[in-house]
Amino acid sequence: MKRLSNSTIEVLPAHIARPTYDRSTLAAGILHFGVGAFHRSHQALTLDRLMAQGKAHDWAIIGVGLLPSDARMSMALKDQDCLYTLVTKHASGKFDYQIIGSMIDYIFAPEESEKLLEKLVDPVIKIVSLTITEGGYSFDRVTGEFDPATEPVATDLASSTNPTSAFGYIVEGLKRRKEAGIPAFTVQSCDNIQGNGDVAKKMITAFAKLKDPALSEWIESSVAFPNSMVDRITPVTAQEDIDIVEKELGLEDHWPVPCEPFFQWVIEDHFPLGRPQFEDAHVQMVEDVMPYELMKLRLLNASHQGLCYFGHLSGYTYVHEVMQDPLIIKLLQRYMDDEATPTLSPVPGVDLVAYKAELIERFSNPEVLDTVARLAAESSDRIPKWLLPVVRELLENGKDVSLSAAIVASWARYDEAVDEKGQPIKVVDPLRDELIAIAQSQRTNPSAFIENQKLFGDLAKDTRFARPYLATLESLHTVGAQKTLQSLLA
């Protein structure tokens, strides 16, 4: 069967949406680090929408892969002229298929390092954007300060040339632009981190200061780092998705992207070299992203943590299966209402009651086939940023944290790497070995997990958190997830 490409796109069935613009006329304006499903379901889609309106033709995307594992994405996209299929899955069972054409090149950095540096210096690149996951920002999980010992930035700090990390490439690119008298590009983080632009600025300038203090000062004064919030559930592409797309297109697409219908992108409007007309493609341009960001991180992202560990321990594989469990639905509703919402500021234009109800509906979409395992991955990068800030703010105000503590306990139980039937749990986490060892010691030392100050600071010493945490953990060990939920929610 033929492959999706510029030469085959015209033979697609009529019901498959495709670029209505001439891709040969597109020019790059954005370079993006971390081309995964999430980026392709929101930023690349947004540019495609604008291009279909006859706009943003000089803002096409050049994708960048930094890791050896990105070789697969490089092959998939390059063999398809960077085209791919976005599959929007409605709860009704209706699927919409759209070919996205806003990416025009992909650079596999381990083999094309100098090409990447040349593009970073090219004046046509005005925005460098990032979806490098929470762990890619190299900051201490408790203090929030830059951690120079984190790989791969530690390697880049020790080397004068040949960067390997996103920070290494960005700083080297900015250095060369400064030396050439070329204005600095804007750095746009799209990762799930509170104040993602502020964090990116803090970490990148700290990295640069260790390399070149004068350059760090120039970055501090010359580079814009707008904050943003993106919300769209985008599961990992499954073989079933690939098979369905091939059947619908009559062409092979080696890496399509499934996603839910919901889409929200809120961006702080600070782009000194200009930007695409994002607001014409359903993007909210605002002065302050923070209220939207906290809403998403503490309601959606933290609720994902609330359902995934209890869900796995209860025997569920998919998120929509978990959402058929009335106990877990009640846990999420009570966590959102009683603990998360009191920590939020008013969100302009958003009805929080309706938003929370919509989250339950979104999680329940049976067509998305989001997995519990995906949500439970990389927890040491997620819970400290999404859930523990809720805990600390509530404690500061003398409020109850029982449900948040129970969610942390469910994580600790999950990281024992054995489920309630004695079957192995595949823990995916950058601290995997360390956390499994700690978790497996907690039947004799119940507070071992939360005594990890690298993740929890001094929370283990606060009985208002430790007491409900220990009670939930003991219950999980003695009666299991379902009976624990019954008792917790009684």
Protein backbone atom coordinates (compact mmCIF):
# COMPACT_ATOMS: atom_id res chain seq x y z
CA MET A 1 0.00 0.00 0.00
CA LYS A 2 1.21 3.53 -0.78
CA ARG A 3 2.29 5.91 1.97
CA LEU A 4 0.68 9.23 2.89
CA SER A 5 2.78 11.97 1.24
CA ASN A 6 2.57 15.09 -0.91
CA SER A 7 2.29 12.90 -4.00
CA THR A 8 -0.53 10.69 -2.69
CA ILE A 9 -2.67 13.16 -0.74
CA GLU A 10 -4.85 13.91 -3.77
CA VAL A 11 -6.15 10.35 -3.92
CA LEU A 12 -7.67 10.48 -0.44
CA PRO A 13 -11.39 9.75 -0.05
CA ALA A 14 -13.60 12.83 -0.04
CA HIS A 15 -14.46 12.60 3.68
CA ILE A 16 -10.82 13.01 4.73
CA ALA A 17 -10.02 16.67 5.42
CA ARG A 18 -6.69 17.77 4.01
CA PRO A 19 -4.66 20.97 3.51
CA THR A 20 -6.44 23.35 1.16
CA TYR A 21 -3.32 25.51 0.86
CA ASP A 22 -0.19 25.07 -1.24
CA ARG A 23 2.37 23.54 1.11
CA SER A 24 5.18 24.34 -1.32
CA THR A 25 4.73 28.04 -0.51
CA LEU A 26 5.08 27.64 3.26
CA ALA A 27 8.09 29.11 5.03
CA ALA A 28 9.35 28.19 8.49
CA GLY A 29 8.80 30.55 11.42
CA ILE A 30 8.63 28.15 14.37
CA LEU A 31 11.10 25.52 15.54
CA HIS A 32 9.60 23.00 17.97
CA PHE A 33 11.44 20.70 20.39
CA GLY A 34 9.55 17.55 21.31
CA VAL A 35 7.29 16.48 18.46
CA GLY A 36 4.97 14.06 20.20
CA ALA A 37 1.26 13.45 19.96
CA PHE A 38 0.41 16.37 22.25
CA HIS A 39 2.18 18.95 20.06
CA ARG A 40 0.63 17.51 16.92
CA SER A 41 -2.90 17.62 18.37
CA HIS A 42 -2.77 21.30 19.35
CA GLN A 43 0.04 23.57 18.11
CA ALA A 44 0.46 21.98 14.69
CA LEU A 45 -3.33 21.80 14.33
CA THR A 46 -3.66 25.50 15.20
CA LEU A 47 -1.18 26.48 12.50
CA ASP A 48 -2.94 24.22 10.00
CA ARG A 49 -6.24 25.97 10.78
CA LEU A 50 -4.67 29.36 10.15
CA MET A 51 -3.02 28.25 6.92
CA ALA A 52 -6.40 27.02 5.67
CA GLN A 53 -7.61 30.62 6.16
CA GLY A 54 -4.78 31.94 4.02
CA LYS A 55 -2.82 33.10 7.09
CA ALA A 56 0.44 32.17 8.82
CA HIS A 57 2.09 30.80 5.68
CA ASP A 58 5.42 32.13 7.00
CA TRP A 59 4.93 30.41 10.38
CA ALA A 60 5.34 26.76 9.37
CA ILE A 61 6.90 24.38 11.89
CA ILE A 62 10.25 22.64 11.83
CA GLY A 63 10.12 19.75 14.30
CA VAL A 64 13.10 18.64 16.38
CA GLY A 65 13.83 15.28 18.01
CA LEU A 66 16.61 15.22 20.60
CA LEU A 67 16.58 11.66 21.90
CA PRO A 68 17.85 8.50 20.19
CA SER A 69 14.31 7.16 20.56
CA ASP A 70 13.09 10.00 18.32
CA ALA A 71 14.63 8.20 15.34
CA ARG A 72 11.32 6.42 14.83
CA MET A 73 9.39 9.71 14.67
CA SER A 74 12.02 11.11 12.31
CA MET A 75 11.56 8.21 9.89
CA ALA A 76 7.77 8.31 10.14
CA LEU A 77 7.50 12.02 9.39
CA LYS A 78 10.26 12.38 6.82
CA ASP A 79 8.90 9.48 4.75
CA GLN A 80 5.50 11.24 4.76
CA ASP A 81 6.72 14.78 3.92
CA CYS A 82 5.84 15.59 7.56
CA LEU A 83 2.13 14.93 6.93
CA TYR A 84 0.10 12.94 9.44
CA THR A 85 -3.51 12.17 10.30
CA LEU A 86 -5.28 13.70 13.30
CA VAL A 87 -8.19 11.51 14.43
CA THR A 88 -10.73 13.29 16.63
CA LYS A 89 -12.77 10.71 18.55
CA HIS A 90 -16.24 11.73 19.70
CA ALA A 91 -17.97 9.89 22.54
CA SER A 92 -20.82 9.07 20.12
CA GLY A 93 -18.48 6.86 18.11
CA LYS A 94 -18.02 9.38 15.31
CA PHE A 95 -14.41 9.88 14.16
CA ASP A 96 -13.16 12.90 12.20
CA TYR A 97 -10.04 12.49 10.07
CA GLN A 98 -7.82 15.42 9.13
CA ILE A 99 -4.43 15.55 7.41
CA ILE A 100 -2.24 18.18 9.07
CA GLY A 101 0.26 19.97 6.84
CA SER A 102 1.74 22.76 8.97
CA MET A 103 5.06 20.98 9.65
CA ILE A 104 7.48 21.21 6.75
CA ASP A 105 10.67 19.64 8.10
CA TYR A 106 11.96 17.48 10.93
CA ILE A 107 15.49 17.56 12.34
CA PHE A 108 16.83 14.51 14.15
CA ALA A 109 19.40 16.25 16.33
CA PRO A 110 21.68 13.26 17.10
CA GLU A 111 22.48 13.08 13.38
CA GLU A 112 21.79 16.68 12.28
CA SER A 113 23.21 18.81 15.07
CA GLU A 114 24.76 21.50 12.89
CA LYS A 115 21.61 21.80 10.77
CA LEU A 116 19.64 22.42 13.95
CA LEU A 117 22.07 25.11 15.10
CA GLU A 118 21.89 26.78 11.68
CA LYS A 119 18.10 26.88 11.91
CA LEU A 120 18.24 28.34 15.42
CA VAL A 121 20.35 31.21 14.09
CA ASP A 122 18.25 31.75 10.97
CA PRO A 123 16.38 35.09 11.35
CA VAL A 124 13.19 33.54 9.92
CA ILE A 125 12.84 31.49 13.12
CA LYS A 126 11.00 33.82 15.48
CA ILE A 127 9.54 31.29 17.94
CA VAL A 128 11.17 28.24 19.52
CA SER A 129 8.52 26.17 21.27
CA LEU A 130 8.77 23.25 23.68
CA THR A 131 6.90 20.13 24.73
CA ILE A 132 9.78 18.34 26.43
CA THR A 133 7.70 17.01 29.40
CA GLU A 134 7.86 18.25 32.97
CA GLY A 135 11.12 16.39 33.56
CA GLY A 136 12.89 18.23 30.74
CA TYR A 137 13.23 21.46 32.72
CA SER A 138 15.93 20.22 35.12
CA PHE A 139 14.63 21.77 38.31
CA ASP A 140 14.58 20.45 41.85
CA ARG A 141 11.12 19.04 42.64
CA VAL A 142 11.03 20.66 46.09
CA THR A 143 12.96 23.93 45.82
CA GLY A 144 12.08 24.74 42.21
CA GLU A 145 15.69 25.78 41.57
CA PHE A 146 17.77 24.72 38.57
CA ASP A 147 19.54 21.39 39.09
CA PRO A 148 22.79 21.36 37.07
CA ALA A 149 23.37 17.67 37.86
CA THR A 150 20.35 16.55 35.82
CA GLU A 151 21.12 14.79 32.57
CA PRO A 152 21.47 15.74 29.79
CA VAL A 153 22.10 19.35 30.86
CA ALA A 154 25.02 18.22 33.03
CA THR A 155 26.74 16.88 29.92
CA ASP A 156 26.09 20.12 28.05
CA LEU A 157 27.47 22.20 30.91
CA ALA A 158 30.66 20.16 30.85
CA SER A 159 31.07 20.53 27.09
CA SER A 160 31.90 23.74 25.23
CA THR A 161 30.37 22.49 21.97
CA ASN A 162 28.00 19.86 20.63
CA PRO A 163 24.87 20.41 22.75
CA THR A 164 22.50 17.51 23.35
CA SER A 165 19.68 19.00 25.46
CA ALA A 166 16.96 21.46 24.51
CA PHE A 167 18.54 24.00 26.87
CA GLY A 168 21.96 23.40 25.34
CA TYR A 169 20.71 24.02 21.82
CA ILE A 170 18.57 27.02 22.75
CA VAL A 171 21.39 28.74 24.62
CA GLU A 172 23.92 28.02 21.89
CA GLY A 173 21.46 29.29 19.28
CA LEU A 174 20.86 32.49 21.25
CA LYS A 175 24.61 32.94 21.72
CA ARG A 176 25.18 32.77 17.98
CA ARG A 177 22.29 35.15 17.29
CA LYS A 178 23.69 37.64 19.80
CA GLU A 179 27.12 37.46 18.18
CA ALA A 180 25.61 37.92 14.72
CA GLY A 181 23.39 40.82 15.80
CA ILE A 182 20.19 38.84 15.10
CA PRO A 183 17.25 39.55 17.44
CA ALA A 184 16.44 36.79 19.95
CA PHE A 185 13.65 34.37 19.17
CA THR A 186 10.77 33.92 21.63
CA VAL A 187 10.84 30.74 23.74
CA GLN A 188 7.31 29.35 24.09
CA SER A 189 6.80 26.51 26.58
CA CYS A 190 3.69 24.37 26.08
CA ASP A 191 4.37 21.91 28.92
CA ASN A 192 2.12 21.14 31.89
CA ILE A 193 4.01 23.25 34.42
CA GLN A 194 2.63 26.09 36.50
CA GLY A 195 4.08 29.29 35.02
CA ASN A 196 5.72 27.28 32.24
CA GLY A 197 7.18 30.35 30.53
CA ASP A 198 8.52 31.72 33.82
CA VAL A 199 10.02 28.32 34.64
CA ALA A 200 11.61 28.06 31.20
CA LYS A 201 13.15 31.51 31.62
CA LYS A 202 14.46 30.73 35.09
CA MET A 203 16.01 27.41 34.09
CA ILE A 204 17.45 28.54 30.76
CA THR A 205 19.03 31.68 32.22
CA ALA A 206 20.44 29.63 35.12
CA PHE A 207 21.88 27.16 32.62
CA ALA A 208 23.33 30.00 30.55
CA LYS A 209 24.84 31.66 33.63
CA LEU A 210 26.95 28.57 34.27
CA LYS A 211 28.13 28.65 30.65
CA ASP A 212 28.48 32.40 30.08
CA PRO A 213 27.29 34.97 32.67
CA ALA A 214 27.18 37.83 30.14
CA LEU A 215 25.05 35.76 27.78
CA SER A 216 22.71 34.93 30.65
CA GLU A 217 22.18 38.65 31.31
CA TRP A 218 21.40 39.21 27.61
CA ILE A 219 18.90 36.34 27.60
CA GLU A 220 17.29 37.76 30.76
CA SER A 221 16.76 41.14 29.11
CA SER A 222 16.20 40.16 25.46
CA VAL A 223 14.26 36.88 25.30
CA ALA A 224 10.49 36.65 25.78
CA PHE A 225 9.10 33.58 27.58
CA PRO A 226 5.27 33.79 27.40
CA ASN A 227 3.28 31.53 29.69
CA SER A 228 0.67 29.23 28.18
CA MET A 229 -1.87 26.55 29.05
CA VAL A 230 -2.90 23.75 26.71
CA ASP A 231 -5.74 21.32 27.35
CA ARG A 232 -6.49 18.40 25.07
CA ILE A 233 -6.46 14.73 26.05
CA THR A 234 -4.17 13.02 23.57
CA PRO A 235 -3.48 9.33 24.25
CA VAL A 236 -0.59 7.31 22.93
CA THR A 237 -1.11 6.11 19.35
CA ALA A 238 -2.11 2.44 19.39
CA GLN A 239 -1.79 -0.11 16.60
CA GLU A 240 -5.59 0.01 16.37
CA ASP A 241 -5.34 3.72 15.47
CA ILE A 242 -2.82 2.98 12.74
CA ASP A 243 -5.02 0.22 11.33
CA ILE A 244 -8.18 2.36 11.36
CA VAL A 245 -6.43 5.27 9.65
CA GLU A 246 -5.00 3.00 6.96
CA LYS A 247 -8.46 1.62 6.26
CA GLU A 248 -10.04 5.09 6.07
CA LEU A 249 -7.29 6.72 4.00
CA GLY A 250 -6.40 3.83 1.74
CA LEU A 251 -2.83 4.90 2.52
CA GLU A 252 -0.31 4.03 5.21
CA ASP A 253 0.28 6.58 7.96
CA HIS A 254 2.94 5.27 10.31
CA TRP A 255 2.16 7.68 13.17
CA PRO A 256 -1.35 9.17 13.26
CA VAL A 257 -2.55 11.04 16.35
CA PRO A 258 -5.82 10.29 18.22
CA CYS A 259 -7.38 12.98 20.40
CA GLU A 260 -10.59 14.07 22.10
CA PRO A 261 -12.83 16.82 20.64
CA PHE A 262 -12.14 19.31 23.48
CA PHE A 263 -9.52 21.96 22.70
CA GLN A 264 -8.28 24.87 24.78
CA TRP A 265 -5.09 26.89 24.40
CA VAL A 266 -4.50 30.06 26.42
CA ILE A 267 -1.38 32.14 25.70
CA GLU A 268 0.16 35.22 27.26
CA ASP A 269 0.46 37.73 24.44
CA HIS A 270 4.18 38.55 24.53
CA PHE A 271 5.97 37.93 21.21
CA PRO A 272 8.48 40.74 20.38
CA LEU A 273 9.24 39.38 16.88
CA GLY A 274 5.59 38.79 16.06
CA ARG A 275 3.40 35.69 16.09
CA PRO A 276 0.76 33.85 14.07
CA GLN A 277 -2.81 35.13 14.43
CA PHE A 278 -3.54 32.47 17.05
CA GLU A 279 -6.81 34.11 18.11
CA ASP A 280 -8.28 33.30 14.69
CA ALA A 281 -7.89 29.58 15.41
CA HIS A 282 -9.76 29.24 18.72
CA VAL A 283 -6.82 30.32 20.91
CA GLN A 284 -7.32 32.71 23.85
CA MET A 285 -4.70 35.47 23.96
CA VAL A 286 -4.63 36.96 27.47
CA GLU A 287 -2.55 39.16 29.75
CA ASP A 288 -2.43 36.58 32.57
CA VAL A 289 -2.52 32.83 31.97
CA MET A 290 -2.19 31.85 35.63
CA PRO A 291 -5.90 31.40 36.54
CA TYR A 292 -6.45 29.13 33.51
CA GLU A 293 -3.25 27.25 34.19
CA LEU A 294 -4.03 26.51 37.84
CA MET A 295 -7.54 25.43 36.85
CA LYS A 296 -6.19 22.88 34.43
CA LEU A 297 -3.28 21.60 36.51
CA ARG A 298 -5.23 21.24 39.75
CA LEU A 299 -8.52 20.02 38.31
CA LEU A 300 -7.72 18.03 35.16
CA ASN A 301 -4.11 16.93 35.66
CA ALA A 302 -4.35 16.25 39.39
CA SER A 303 -7.64 14.39 38.85
CA HIS A 304 -5.87 12.19 36.33
CA GLN A 305 -3.53 11.24 39.17
CA GLY A 306 -6.53 10.64 41.38
CA LEU A 307 -8.03 8.10 39.02
CA CYS A 308 -4.99 6.30 37.62
CA TYR A 309 -3.48 4.59 40.71
CA PHE A 310 -6.79 3.70 42.35
CA GLY A 311 -7.96 2.67 38.88
CA HIS A 312 -5.05 0.34 38.22
CA LEU A 313 -5.24 -1.20 41.68
CA SER A 314 -8.97 -1.77 41.09
CA GLY A 315 -8.17 -3.73 37.93
CA TYR A 316 -8.95 -1.24 35.16
CA THR A 317 -6.89 -0.76 31.98
CA TYR A 318 -8.58 2.18 30.25
CA VAL A 319 -9.62 5.53 31.67
CA HIS A 320 -13.21 5.23 30.46
CA GLU A 321 -13.46 1.93 32.36
CA VAL A 322 -12.32 3.67 35.53
CA MET A 323 -15.00 6.28 34.95
CA GLN A 324 -17.69 3.63 35.17
CA ASP A 325 -16.74 3.14 38.82
CA PRO A 326 -19.02 5.32 41.00
CA LEU A 327 -16.51 5.31 43.85
CA ILE A 328 -13.74 6.80 41.74
CA ILE A 329 -16.12 9.33 40.19
CA LYS A 330 -17.12 10.38 43.71
CA LEU A 331 -13.44 10.64 44.72
CA LEU A 332 -12.71 12.95 41.79
CA GLN A 333 -15.78 15.10 42.34
CA ARG A 334 -15.04 15.53 46.02
CA TYR A 335 -11.34 16.20 45.43
CA MET A 336 -12.18 18.86 42.83
CA ASP A 337 -14.91 20.50 44.92
CA ASP A 338 -13.47 20.26 48.42
CA GLU A 339 -9.71 20.53 47.94
CA ALA A 340 -8.72 21.80 44.48
CA THR A 341 -11.36 24.49 43.85
CA PRO A 342 -10.69 26.42 47.11
CA THR A 343 -7.10 27.00 45.89
CA LEU A 344 -8.20 28.58 42.58
CA SER A 345 -8.75 32.22 41.68
CA PRO A 346 -11.70 33.25 39.50
CA VAL A 347 -11.09 32.19 35.90
CA PRO A 348 -12.34 34.82 33.41
CA GLY A 349 -15.02 33.41 31.13
CA VAL A 350 -15.09 29.97 32.78
CA ASP A 351 -17.90 28.45 34.84
CA LEU A 352 -15.96 26.13 37.16
CA VAL A 353 -19.01 24.05 38.03
CA ALA A 354 -19.63 23.35 34.35
CA TYR A 355 -15.90 22.83 33.71
CA LYS A 356 -15.67 20.15 36.41
CA ALA A 357 -18.75 18.37 35.09
CA GLU A 358 -17.26 18.46 31.60
CA LEU A 359 -14.04 16.89 32.91
CA ILE A 360 -15.99 13.86 34.12
CA GLU A 361 -17.61 13.59 30.67
CA ARG A 362 -14.25 13.93 28.91
CA PHE A 363 -12.60 11.27 31.05
CA SER A 364 -15.56 8.98 30.30
CA ASN A 365 -15.21 9.14 26.48
CA PRO A 366 -14.98 5.43 25.49
CA GLU A 367 -13.56 6.15 22.06
CA VAL A 368 -10.38 7.91 23.14
CA LEU A 369 -9.04 4.69 24.71
CA ASP A 370 -6.67 6.58 26.97
CA THR A 371 -4.81 4.14 29.21
CA VAL A 372 -4.42 4.21 32.96
CA ALA A 373 -0.74 3.36 32.43
CA ARG A 374 -0.14 6.56 30.45
CA LEU A 375 -1.56 8.69 33.24
CA ALA A 376 0.47 6.83 35.87
CA ALA A 377 3.79 7.37 34.06
CA GLU A 378 6.45 9.81 35.25
CA SER A 379 4.59 10.50 38.47
CA SER A 380 7.64 11.94 40.24
CA ASP A 381 7.58 14.78 37.71
CA ARG A 382 3.82 15.24 37.96
CA ILE A 383 2.47 14.92 41.49
CA PRO A 384 5.00 17.41 42.96
CA LYS A 385 3.89 20.00 40.37
CA TRP A 386 0.16 19.28 40.13
CA LEU A 387 -1.07 17.91 43.46
CA LEU A 388 1.40 18.89 46.18
CA PRO A 389 0.89 22.63 45.59
CA VAL A 390 -2.78 22.04 46.42
CA VAL A 391 -1.75 20.24 49.62
CA ARG A 392 0.61 23.00 50.72
CA GLU A 393 -1.84 25.80 50.01
CA LEU A 394 -4.62 24.03 51.90
CA LEU A 395 -2.35 23.36 54.86
CA GLU A 396 -1.29 27.01 54.96
CA ASN A 397 -4.95 27.92 55.30
CA GLY A 398 -5.77 25.23 57.88
CA LYS A 399 -7.86 23.17 55.44
CA ASP A 400 -8.32 19.41 55.20
CA VAL A 401 -6.11 17.46 52.76
CA SER A 402 -7.45 13.94 53.30
CA LEU A 403 -8.32 13.25 49.66
CA SER A 404 -5.07 14.63 48.28
CA ALA A 405 -3.15 12.58 50.85
CA ALA A 406 -5.11 9.48 49.80
CA ILE A 407 -4.14 10.05 46.16
CA VAL A 408 -0.47 10.26 47.17
CA ALA A 409 -0.89 7.02 49.15
CA SER A 410 -2.37 5.32 46.09
CA TRP A 411 0.74 6.36 44.16
CA ALA A 412 2.99 4.95 46.87
CA ARG A 413 1.08 1.65 46.78
CA TYR A 414 1.24 1.56 42.96
CA ASP A 415 5.01 2.05 43.06
CA GLU A 416 5.41 -1.19 45.01
CA ALA A 417 5.25 -2.59 41.44
CA VAL A 418 2.92 -5.47 42.36
CA ASP A 419 -0.87 -5.24 42.11
CA GLU A 420 -3.52 -6.69 44.44
CA LYS A 421 -3.48 -10.01 42.57
CA GLY A 422 0.28 -10.37 42.81
CA GLN A 423 0.86 -9.38 39.19
CA PRO A 424 3.74 -7.04 38.29
CA ILE A 425 3.07 -3.36 37.67
CA LYS A 426 5.30 -1.74 35.05
CA VAL A 427 6.32 1.49 36.77
CA VAL A 428 7.46 4.12 34.26
CA ASP A 429 9.25 6.95 36.03
CA PRO A 430 12.63 8.73 35.82
CA LEU A 431 13.16 7.71 39.48
CA ARG A 432 11.78 4.22 38.96
CA ASP A 433 14.40 2.12 40.74
CA GLU A 434 14.70 4.48 43.68
CA LEU A 435 10.95 4.80 44.18
CA ILE A 436 10.21 1.08 43.86
CA ALA A 437 12.85 0.30 46.47
CA ILE A 438 11.37 2.85 48.87
CA ALA A 439 7.78 1.74 48.21
CA GLN A 440 8.62 -1.89 48.79
CA SER A 441 10.01 -1.01 52.24
CA GLN A 442 6.87 0.77 53.42
CA ARG A 443 5.09 -2.26 54.87
CA THR A 444 7.66 -2.13 57.68
CA ASN A 445 8.31 1.64 57.44
CA PRO A 446 4.94 3.11 56.39
CA SER A 447 6.15 6.72 56.03
CA ALA A 448 9.20 5.82 53.91
CA PHE A 449 7.73 7.10 50.65
CA ILE A 450 6.79 10.57 51.89
CA GLU A 451 10.06 10.88 53.82
CA ASN A 452 11.72 11.34 50.42
CA GLN A 453 12.49 15.05 50.83
CA LYS A 454 13.51 15.35 47.19
CA LEU A 455 9.83 14.91 46.30
CA PHE A 456 7.90 15.89 49.43
CA GLY A 457 10.06 18.30 51.37
CA ASP A 458 8.94 18.24 55.00
CA LEU A 459 5.36 17.06 54.41
CA ALA A 460 6.03 13.80 56.28
CA LYS A 461 6.46 15.86 59.46
CA ASP A 462 3.05 17.52 59.11
CA THR A 463 0.55 15.22 60.81
CA ARG A 464 -2.36 16.88 59.01
CA PHE A 465 -1.01 15.31 55.80
CA ALA A 466 0.81 12.28 57.21
CA ARG A 467 -2.13 10.96 59.26
CA PRO A 468 -4.61 10.55 56.35
CA TYR A 469 -1.78 9.38 54.09
CA LEU A 470 -0.77 6.59 56.50
CA ALA A 471 -4.39 5.60 57.14
CA THR A 472 -5.05 5.22 53.40
CA LEU A 473 -1.83 3.32 52.79
CA GLU A 474 -2.59 0.89 55.61
CA SER A 475 -6.08 0.36 54.23
CA LEU A 476 -4.73 -0.28 50.73
CA HIS A 477 -2.43 -2.92 52.18
CA THR A 478 -5.09 -4.62 54.30
CA VAL A 479 -8.37 -4.39 52.38
CA GLY A 480 -7.46 -3.14 48.89
CA ALA A 481 -8.44 -0.19 46.70
CA GLN A 482 -12.19 -0.66 46.47
CA LYS A 483 -12.86 -1.07 50.20
CA THR A 484 -10.41 1.76 50.90
CA LEU A 485 -12.46 4.03 48.64
CA GLN A 486 -15.68 2.97 50.34
CA SER A 487 -14.27 3.88 53.74
CA LEU A 488 -12.61 7.07 52.52
CA LEU A 489 -15.79 8.38 50.92
CA ALA A 490 -18.29 7.20 53.54
